Amino acid sequence: MDPVRYVLSLLFVGALLGGAIWLLARFRSSGSDRGRGVVGIVSQASLGPREKLVVVRFGGEDILLGVTPGSITRIAACPGERSGEGGP
C-alpha cells in the first residue's frame, strides 16, 4: 500500500471518530439544557472518600441526601428556587 494513501486513510478515520465524539457530546449536553429532566443535582459536598451530601431538586423541592456506599438517607427538604420568577 502506498504510504500517502495509508496516512490519508488514517486521517480520514480519525476525522470520522472526532466528528462522532463531537456529535455525541453535543447531543448529550443539549438534553440537559432543555430542562427535560425531572430530577437534577443542585449541589454536592464530599465528607470523606466515600461519603457525601447531595442536594437534589425533584418536583419543585430541594432534598438534602446523605450518600454512603451502603445507603442513601433523606436528611431534610425545602421548597426549591424557581428560575425566572422575579420580585415585585
Protein backbone atom coordinates (compact mmCIF):
# COMPACT_ATOMS: atom_id res chain seq x y z
CA MET A 1 0.00 0.00 0.00
CA ASP A 2 1.21 3.48 -0.83
CA PRO A 3 2.40 5.44 2.31
CA VAL A 4 0.47 8.57 1.28
CA ARG A 5 -2.72 6.56 0.87
CA TYR A 6 -2.14 4.95 4.28
CA VAL A 7 -1.71 8.34 6.00
CA LEU A 8 -4.78 9.80 4.26
CA SER A 9 -6.88 6.80 5.29
CA LEU A 10 -5.67 7.16 8.87
CA LEU A 11 -6.54 10.89 8.88
CA PHE A 12 -9.97 10.15 7.42
CA VAL A 13 -10.77 7.58 10.12
CA GLY A 14 -9.50 9.99 12.81
CA ALA A 15 -11.73 12.76 11.45
CA LEU A 16 -14.76 10.45 11.45
CA LEU A 17 -14.04 9.40 15.03
CA GLY A 18 -13.57 13.02 16.14
CA GLY A 19 -16.82 14.05 14.47
CA ALA A 20 -18.74 11.23 16.10
CA ILE A 21 -17.38 12.17 19.55
CA TRP A 22 -18.25 15.84 18.97
CA LEU A 23 -21.82 14.98 17.92
CA LEU A 24 -22.29 12.67 20.89
CA ALA A 25 -21.09 15.34 23.33
CA ARG A 26 -23.27 18.00 21.69
CA PHE A 27 -26.48 15.95 21.85
CA ARG A 28 -25.73 14.71 25.34
CA SER A 29 -25.33 18.23 26.75
CA SER A 30 -28.28 19.70 24.84
CA GLY A 31 -30.72 17.36 26.61
CA SER A 32 -29.94 18.88 29.99
CA ASP A 33 -30.13 22.43 28.59
CA ARG A 34 -33.74 22.00 27.51
CA GLY A 35 -34.97 21.37 31.05
CA ARG A 36 -36.49 17.99 30.27
CA GLY A 37 -35.01 16.39 33.38
CA VAL A 38 -37.35 15.84 36.30
CA VAL A 39 -34.53 15.14 38.76
CA GLY A 40 -31.34 17.19 38.95
CA ILE A 41 -28.36 17.52 41.26
CA VAL A 42 -28.17 21.09 42.55
CA SER A 43 -25.03 20.76 44.67
CA GLN A 44 -22.83 18.18 46.37
CA ALA A 45 -20.15 18.21 49.05
CA SER A 46 -17.69 15.45 49.86
CA LEU A 47 -17.46 14.47 53.52
CA GLY A 48 -14.85 11.76 53.08
CA PRO A 49 -13.50 9.36 50.49
CA ARG A 50 -16.86 7.59 50.06
CA GLU A 51 -19.41 9.81 51.80
CA LYS A 52 -21.09 12.97 50.55
CA LEU A 53 -24.04 15.28 50.93
CA VAL A 54 -26.13 15.89 47.81
CA VAL A 55 -28.91 18.41 47.19
CA VAL A 56 -31.34 17.04 44.61
CA ARG A 57 -34.18 19.04 43.03
CA PHE A 58 -37.32 16.99 42.45
CA GLY A 59 -40.87 18.18 41.93
CA GLY A 60 -40.12 21.78 42.91
CA GLU A 61 -38.47 20.69 46.14
CA ASP A 62 -34.79 20.60 47.16
CA ILE A 63 -33.94 17.44 49.07
CA LEU A 64 -30.72 17.02 51.10
CA LEU A 65 -29.44 13.44 50.93
CA GLY A 66 -26.63 11.73 52.79
CA VAL A 67 -24.92 9.24 50.47
CA THR A 68 -22.64 6.40 51.62
CA PRO A 69 -21.63 3.18 49.86
CA GLY A 70 -24.32 1.29 51.77
CA SER A 71 -27.23 3.71 51.86
CA ILE A 72 -28.90 6.95 50.83
CA THR A 73 -30.66 8.87 53.60
CA ARG A 74 -33.04 11.82 53.28
CA ILE A 75 -31.88 14.44 55.76
CA ALA A 76 -34.04 17.48 55.00
CA ALA A 77 -36.27 19.06 52.36
CA CYS A 78 -37.32 22.60 51.47
CA PRO A 79 -39.11 24.32 48.57
CA GLY A 80 -36.79 24.77 45.59
CA GLU A 81 -35.99 28.10 43.94
CA ARG A 82 -37.99 28.79 40.81
CA SER A 83 -35.90 30.12 37.96
CA GLY A 84 -37.35 33.03 36.08
CA GLU A 85 -39.55 34.30 38.89
CA GLY A 86 -38.83 37.90 39.72
CA GLY A 87 -39.63 40.02 42.70
CA PRO A 88 -42.31 42.74 42.88
